[in-house]
Amino acid sequence: MTRDVTIRGAGIFGLSVAWACVQGGARVKIVDPAGVAAGASGGIVGALAPHVPDQWNAKKAFQLDSLLAAQDFWAGIEAAAGRPTGYTRAGRLQPLADEAAVALARAREAGAREVWKGRATWRVAGEPASALVPDSPSGLWVVDTLSAHLHPRQACTALAAALEAKGVRILPEGADEGAVVWATGWQGLEEMTARHVRLVGTGVKGQAALLGHAAPGVPQVFANGVHVIPHLDGTTAVGSTTERTFEAPDTTDAQLDTVIAAARAAVPALADAPVLERWAGVRPRSRSRAPMLGPHPFRPGHYLANGGFKIGFGMAPGVAGAMADLILTGVDRIPGDFHPERCL
């Protein structure tokens, strides 16, 4: 018998869970008054980068599996949608500031060999051959081959197109049918906080910019606390801020100017790149900082997929598959720390 599923929220978690449910044979509709990727999922940065390979735990293992699954996940969406997501697994460069940073990076190099098991590498290297190389005081960089990036707005638009090609309706309003999944972002976290005795989660604002610099296919950069993402469409994104208090969710200000200046200082190739777009949005951060996946704690019989914060796109393939398994077959392979009752 075909299972009906209603997804509330058309951001990255809602769309990806819908995709996995459709792949599992469900009949799905998505309801979002604001439309596809209207919040943080409609952003411009898109760093899919791993946690450091030490102090290994279930969250890091889940993220590793998701990052490794991402290439096939996004390739399937591009094939169904007939449009790009901007996905590429081009790796990442990180400059090392001093001897202490080099020693720590070498320890993590050994950790990556143990836990990544040859599926990707983390190594300390001399100056890499890339069009975007950040300055490094030590003359050494971390080069990893697990990191990938995509264009969030393009990825969500492609996901929506792939879903519609499979007959999924994306509606501004509609009644619940079948299993209901709440993937409503930071507003959903704040709604749960209002029902609880303490913080469940909240929104954290981020600002980013899109620069007119073409370096498609080269590794992303993390330097000076800033992500530099060379998109396949010939633009380069830089971001972002972390603002726990803010007046408006979608406006930019001098804090973004600081991010742009830090990116230009870290990567000389960006010095004269024009600013094409300034963007701001609010990301959903749970109190535990982990995604919240599983039975909804305040809506009996419903499900929750929220709290992606800075790793939502990287976690999306894993979140989608685990949630679809739970909803369609009752098989729970969600890490314990992600279960909503553990996050309250």
Protein backbone atom coordinates (compact mmCIF):
# COMPACT_ATOMS: atom_id res chain seq x y z
CA MET A 1 0.00 0.00 0.00
CA THR A 2 1.31 3.47 -0.92
CA ARG A 3 2.07 5.65 2.10
CA ASP A 4 0.99 9.30 2.14
CA VAL A 5 3.51 11.78 3.55
CA THR A 6 3.04 15.50 4.16
CA ILE A 7 6.20 17.58 4.58
CA ARG A 8 5.81 20.96 6.26
CA GLY A 9 8.73 23.09 5.13
CA ALA A 10 10.45 23.43 1.74
CA GLY A 11 14.02 24.01 2.93
CA ILE A 12 16.86 21.55 2.51
CA PHE A 13 15.64 19.09 5.18
CA GLY A 14 12.04 19.12 3.99
CA LEU A 15 12.91 18.75 0.32
CA SER A 16 15.52 16.03 0.86
CA VAL A 17 13.26 13.97 3.15
CA ALA A 18 10.52 14.30 0.54
CA TRP A 19 12.93 13.03 -2.13
CA ALA A 20 13.92 9.97 -0.10
CA CYS A 21 10.27 9.19 0.67
CA VAL A 22 9.40 9.40 -3.03
CA GLN A 23 12.31 7.07 -3.80
CA GLY A 24 10.79 4.72 -1.23
CA GLY A 25 7.45 4.68 -3.05
CA ALA A 26 5.51 7.19 -0.94
CA ARG A 27 2.98 9.69 -2.23
CA VAL A 28 4.29 13.05 -1.01
CA LYS A 29 3.19 16.66 -0.85
CA ILE A 30 5.06 19.63 0.58
CA VAL A 31 3.43 22.61 2.26
CA ASP A 32 5.29 25.90 2.76
CA PRO A 33 3.57 29.31 2.69
CA ALA A 34 6.86 31.02 1.82
CA GLY A 35 7.81 28.68 -1.01
CA VAL A 36 10.95 26.73 -1.86
CA ALA A 37 14.16 27.66 0.02
CA ALA A 38 12.67 30.92 1.29
CA GLY A 39 14.89 30.89 4.40
CA ALA A 40 18.51 29.96 5.03
CA SER A 41 18.31 27.12 2.48
CA GLY A 42 18.15 29.75 -0.25
CA GLY A 43 21.64 30.95 0.61
CA ILE A 44 24.80 31.25 -1.45
CA VAL A 45 27.69 29.62 0.47
CA GLY A 46 27.21 25.82 0.53
CA ALA A 47 30.28 24.42 2.27
CA LEU A 48 29.91 20.67 2.79
CA ALA A 49 32.85 20.20 5.14
CA PRO A 50 33.49 17.47 7.72
CA HIS A 51 34.03 17.75 11.42
CA VAL A 52 37.67 17.29 12.37
CA PRO A 53 38.66 13.59 12.45
CA ASP A 54 39.36 13.29 16.18
CA GLN A 55 37.22 12.66 19.28
CA TRP A 56 35.16 10.42 17.02
CA ASN A 57 31.46 9.95 17.82
CA ALA A 58 28.15 8.92 16.25
CA LYS A 59 27.43 12.43 14.96
CA LYS A 60 30.73 12.60 13.09
CA ALA A 61 30.25 9.08 11.71
CA PHE A 62 26.77 9.94 10.47
CA GLN A 63 28.11 13.09 8.81
CA LEU A 64 30.95 11.13 7.19
CA ASP A 65 28.52 8.63 5.67
CA SER A 66 26.33 11.50 4.45
CA LEU A 67 29.22 13.35 2.83
CA LEU A 68 30.34 10.16 1.12
CA ALA A 69 26.81 9.57 -0.18
CA ALA A 70 26.41 13.13 -1.45
CA GLN A 71 27.86 12.69 -4.92
CA ASP A 72 25.34 10.02 -5.93
CA PHE A 73 22.53 11.83 -4.08
CA TRP A 74 23.02 15.11 -5.95
CA ALA A 75 23.78 13.40 -9.28
CA GLY A 76 20.40 11.64 -9.05
CA ILE A 77 18.65 14.93 -8.41
CA GLU A 78 20.41 16.65 -11.31
CA ALA A 79 19.40 13.79 -13.61
CA ALA A 80 15.75 13.97 -12.51
CA ALA A 81 15.59 17.76 -12.58
CA GLY A 82 17.65 18.44 -15.69
CA ARG A 83 19.35 21.35 -13.93
CA PRO A 84 22.54 21.88 -11.89
CA THR A 85 22.94 21.80 -8.13
CA GLY A 86 26.49 23.17 -8.17
CA TYR A 87 27.76 20.08 -6.37
CA THR A 88 31.44 19.17 -6.65
CA ARG A 89 33.70 17.25 -4.30
CA ALA A 90 36.80 19.39 -4.82
CA GLY A 91 38.21 19.28 -1.28
CA ARG A 92 39.30 22.09 1.03
CA LEU A 93 42.42 24.09 1.92
CA GLN A 94 43.13 25.44 5.40
CA PRO A 95 46.28 27.44 6.24
CA LEU A 96 48.18 26.56 9.40
CA ALA A 97 49.20 29.52 11.53
CA ASP A 98 52.10 28.16 13.60
CA GLU A 99 53.92 25.09 14.93
CA ALA A 100 51.13 24.27 17.37
CA ALA A 101 48.56 24.28 14.56
CA VAL A 102 50.84 22.09 12.44
CA ALA A 103 51.27 19.56 15.28
CA LEU A 104 47.50 19.38 15.83
CA ALA A 105 46.88 18.97 12.11
CA ARG A 106 49.39 16.11 11.91
CA ALA A 107 47.62 14.34 14.78
CA ARG A 108 44.36 14.72 12.91
CA GLU A 109 46.05 13.36 9.79
CA ALA A 110 46.56 10.11 11.70
CA GLY A 111 42.99 10.25 13.00
CA ALA A 112 41.62 10.60 9.48
CA ARG A 113 43.50 7.50 8.36
CA GLU A 114 41.88 5.56 11.19
CA VAL A 115 38.27 6.72 10.91
CA TRP A 116 37.91 7.71 7.26
CA LYS A 117 39.44 4.35 6.28
CA GLY A 118 40.90 5.47 2.97
CA ARG A 119 37.65 6.86 1.62
CA ALA A 120 39.10 10.37 1.86
CA THR A 121 42.33 11.94 3.09
CA TRP A 122 43.35 14.73 5.47
CA ARG A 123 47.00 15.68 5.10
CA VAL A 124 49.46 18.45 5.89
CA ALA A 125 51.10 19.70 2.70
CA GLY A 126 53.23 22.42 1.17
CA GLU A 127 51.69 25.02 -1.08
CA PRO A 128 48.95 23.34 -3.13
CA ALA A 129 48.36 23.95 -6.82
CA SER A 130 45.10 25.89 -6.86
CA ALA A 131 43.70 29.14 -8.20
CA LEU A 132 42.58 30.03 -4.66
CA VAL A 133 45.40 29.55 -2.16
CA PRO A 134 45.12 31.29 1.22
CA ASP A 135 48.25 32.81 2.73
CA SER A 136 49.79 30.52 5.38
CA PRO A 137 52.22 31.89 8.03
CA SER A 138 53.68 28.41 8.57
CA GLY A 139 54.06 27.65 4.87
CA LEU A 140 51.85 24.59 5.36
CA TRP A 141 48.19 23.84 4.71
CA VAL A 142 45.65 21.14 5.56
CA VAL A 143 44.35 19.58 2.36
CA ASP A 144 41.34 17.28 2.68
CA THR A 145 39.56 15.38 -0.08
CA LEU A 146 36.27 14.81 1.76
CA SER A 147 34.97 18.37 1.65
CA ALA A 148 32.61 19.30 -1.14
CA HIS A 149 30.47 22.30 -1.98
CA LEU A 150 27.31 23.19 -3.83
CA HIS A 151 25.20 26.26 -4.49
CA PRO A 152 22.38 26.07 -1.90
CA ARG A 153 19.83 28.04 -3.91
CA GLN A 154 20.52 26.05 -7.06
CA ALA A 155 20.46 22.76 -5.14
CA CYS A 156 17.07 23.46 -3.58
CA THR A 157 15.62 24.66 -6.89
CA ALA A 158 16.85 21.46 -8.54
CA LEU A 159 15.43 19.34 -5.70
CA ALA A 160 12.05 21.02 -6.10
CA ALA A 161 12.13 20.44 -9.86
CA ALA A 162 13.09 16.77 -9.38
CA LEU A 163 10.23 16.30 -6.91
CA GLU A 164 7.71 17.97 -9.20
CA ALA A 165 8.90 15.72 -12.04
CA LYS A 166 7.97 12.78 -9.77
CA GLY A 167 4.49 14.21 -9.19
CA VAL A 168 5.08 15.90 -5.83
CA ARG A 169 3.00 19.01 -5.22
CA ILE A 170 4.65 21.96 -3.47
CA LEU A 171 1.83 24.07 -2.07
CA PRO A 172 1.46 27.29 -0.05
CA GLU A 173 -1.17 25.62 2.13
CA GLY A 174 -2.87 22.27 2.54
CA ALA A 175 -4.23 19.73 5.01
CA ASP A 176 -2.13 17.00 6.60
CA GLU A 177 -2.32 13.62 4.87
CA GLY A 178 -0.64 10.51 6.20
CA ALA A 179 2.64 10.85 8.05
CA VAL A 180 3.52 14.47 8.80
CA VAL A 181 7.09 15.76 8.97
CA TRP A 182 7.83 19.19 10.44
CA ALA A 183 10.89 20.74 8.80
CA THR A 184 10.07 24.36 9.51
CA GLY A 185 13.48 25.80 10.34
CA TRP A 186 14.27 28.31 13.04
CA GLN A 187 10.66 29.38 13.46
CA GLY A 188 9.77 25.76 14.21
CA LEU A 189 12.49 25.60 16.87
CA GLU A 190 11.23 28.77 18.49
CA GLU A 191 7.68 27.42 18.42
CA MET A 192 8.88 24.36 20.35
CA THR A 193 10.76 26.54 22.81
CA ALA A 194 7.50 28.40 23.50
CA ARG A 195 5.90 25.05 24.45
CA HIS A 196 8.79 23.93 26.65
CA VAL A 197 10.29 24.95 29.98
CA ARG A 198 13.68 25.83 28.47
CA LEU A 199 15.35 26.57 25.14
CA VAL A 200 14.84 23.91 22.47
CA GLY A 201 16.45 25.87 19.67
CA THR A 202 16.64 29.24 18.02
CA GLY A 203 17.75 31.07 14.91
CA VAL A 204 21.29 32.24 14.26
CA LYS A 205 21.66 34.81 11.52
CA GLY A 206 24.38 34.59 8.91
CA GLN A 207 25.48 37.07 6.27
CA ALA A 208 27.37 36.19 3.09
CA ALA A 209 28.41 37.71 -0.22
CA LEU A 210 28.77 36.52 -3.79
CA LEU A 211 31.85 37.79 -5.61
CA GLY A 212 32.56 38.00 -9.31
CA HIS A 213 35.59 35.73 -9.35
CA ALA A 214 35.70 32.54 -11.43
CA ALA A 215 37.63 29.55 -10.10
CA PRO A 216 35.29 26.62 -10.76
CA GLY A 217 36.35 23.16 -9.65
CA VAL A 218 39.13 24.17 -7.25
CA PRO A 219 39.08 23.42 -3.51
CA GLN A 220 37.15 25.61 -1.14
CA VAL A 221 39.08 27.58 1.47
CA PHE A 222 38.61 28.05 5.19
CA ALA A 223 40.84 30.83 6.50
CA ASN A 224 40.53 33.80 8.87
CA GLY A 225 37.30 32.23 10.11
CA VAL A 226 35.76 32.67 6.65
CA HIS A 227 34.54 30.16 4.07
CA VAL A 228 35.49 30.84 0.46
CA ILE A 229 33.46 28.75 -2.00
CA PRO A 230 34.35 28.77 -5.74
CA HIS A 231 31.05 27.87 -7.38
CA LEU A 232 30.82 26.03 -10.67
CA ASP A 233 28.83 28.91 -12.20
CA GLY A 234 31.87 31.23 -12.12
CA THR A 235 31.07 33.07 -8.89
CA THR A 236 32.75 32.79 -5.51
CA ALA A 237 30.84 32.97 -2.23
CA VAL A 238 32.31 34.18 1.07
CA GLY A 239 30.69 33.84 4.48
CA SER A 240 29.57 34.06 7.07
CA THR A 241 28.65 35.80 10.29
CA THR A 242 27.22 34.10 13.38
CA GLU A 243 24.67 36.44 14.96
CA ARG A 244 22.65 35.17 17.92
CA THR A 245 20.84 38.50 18.29
CA PHE A 246 19.59 40.50 15.33
CA GLU A 247 16.87 43.00 14.44
CA ALA A 248 16.02 41.82 10.92
CA PRO A 249 16.54 38.31 9.52
CA ASP A 250 17.28 39.27 5.92
CA THR A 251 19.31 42.49 5.94
CA THR A 252 23.07 42.94 5.65
CA ASP A 253 25.29 45.46 7.38
CA ALA A 254 28.88 46.30 8.29
CA GLN A 255 29.40 42.81 9.71
CA LEU A 256 29.33 41.49 6.15
CA ASP A 257 31.87 44.10 5.11
CA THR A 258 34.18 42.61 7.75
CA VAL A 259 33.69 39.11 6.32
CA ILE A 260 34.45 40.32 2.79
CA ALA A 261 37.58 42.12 3.99
CA ALA A 262 38.74 38.99 5.86
CA ALA A 263 38.22 36.86 2.74
CA ARG A 264 40.19 39.30 0.57
CA ALA A 265 43.00 39.41 3.14
CA ALA A 266 43.16 35.61 3.37
CA VAL A 267 42.97 34.93 -0.38
CA PRO A 268 44.83 37.54 -2.45
CA ALA A 269 43.14 36.40 -5.67
CA LEU A 270 39.88 37.94 -4.39
CA ALA A 271 41.36 41.40 -3.79
CA ASP A 272 39.62 43.09 -6.72
CA ALA A 273 36.61 40.80 -7.20
CA PRO A 274 33.37 42.81 -7.37
CA VAL A 275 30.51 42.10 -4.98
CA LEU A 276 27.58 40.72 -7.00
CA GLU A 277 25.17 39.99 -4.15
CA ARG A 278 24.85 40.54 -0.41
CA TRP A 279 22.70 37.93 1.39
CA ALA A 280 21.41 37.27 4.89
CA GLY A 281 19.33 34.48 6.41
CA VAL A 282 18.65 32.71 9.69
CA ARG A 283 19.82 29.14 10.31
CA PRO A 284 18.07 26.76 12.74
CA ARG A 285 20.31 25.81 15.67
CA SER A 286 19.09 23.31 18.27
CA ARG A 287 20.20 23.70 21.88
CA SER A 288 22.36 20.58 21.51
CA ARG A 289 23.80 21.82 18.16
CA ALA A 290 22.85 18.44 16.66
CA PRO A 291 20.04 17.95 14.14
CA MET A 292 16.74 16.92 15.73
CA LEU A 293 15.33 13.88 13.90
CA GLY A 294 12.52 11.51 14.83
CA PRO A 295 9.13 11.61 16.54
CA HIS A 296 7.95 15.16 17.18
CA PRO A 297 8.09 15.90 20.93
CA PHE A 298 5.05 18.20 20.94
CA ARG A 299 2.89 16.83 18.09
CA PRO A 300 1.95 13.20 18.84
CA GLY A 301 2.17 10.93 15.83
CA HIS A 302 4.13 13.46 13.78
CA TYR A 303 7.84 13.63 12.92
CA LEU A 304 10.53 16.29 13.22
CA ALA A 305 13.51 17.13 10.99
CA ASN A 306 15.13 20.37 12.08
CA GLY A 307 18.29 21.97 13.46
CA GLY A 308 20.64 21.63 10.49
CA PHE A 309 22.38 24.90 11.43
CA LYS A 310 25.71 25.06 9.54
CA ILE A 311 25.82 21.41 8.45
CA GLY A 312 22.32 20.96 7.04
CA PHE A 313 23.32 20.54 3.40
CA GLY A 314 26.18 18.20 4.28
CA MET A 315 23.85 16.10 6.43
CA ALA A 316 20.97 16.14 3.93
CA PRO A 317 21.58 12.77 2.20
CA GLY A 318 21.93 10.99 5.56
CA VAL A 319 18.99 12.80 7.15
CA ALA A 320 16.79 12.06 4.15
CA GLY A 321 17.53 8.34 4.13
CA ALA A 322 17.24 7.88 7.89
CA MET A 323 13.95 9.78 8.12
CA ALA A 324 12.47 7.91 5.15
CA ASP A 325 13.41 4.58 6.74
CA LEU A 326 11.76 5.60 10.01
CA ILE A 327 8.58 6.90 8.36
CA LEU A 328 8.09 4.21 5.73
CA THR A 329 9.44 1.06 7.41
CA GLY A 330 9.73 1.86 11.11
CA VAL A 331 13.48 1.18 11.04
CA ASP A 332 15.26 3.65 13.31
CA ARG A 333 18.93 4.20 12.42
CA ILE A 334 19.08 7.79 13.64
CA PRO A 335 21.96 8.45 16.08
CA GLY A 336 20.70 8.59 19.65
CA ASP A 337 21.89 12.15 20.20
CA PHE A 338 19.73 13.31 17.30
CA HIS A 339 16.47 12.03 18.82
CA PRO A 340 14.34 15.03 19.81
CA GLU A 341 13.76 13.87 23.40
CA ARG A 342 17.55 13.85 23.93
CA CYS A 343 17.77 17.43 22.66
CA LEU A 344 15.14 18.92 24.98
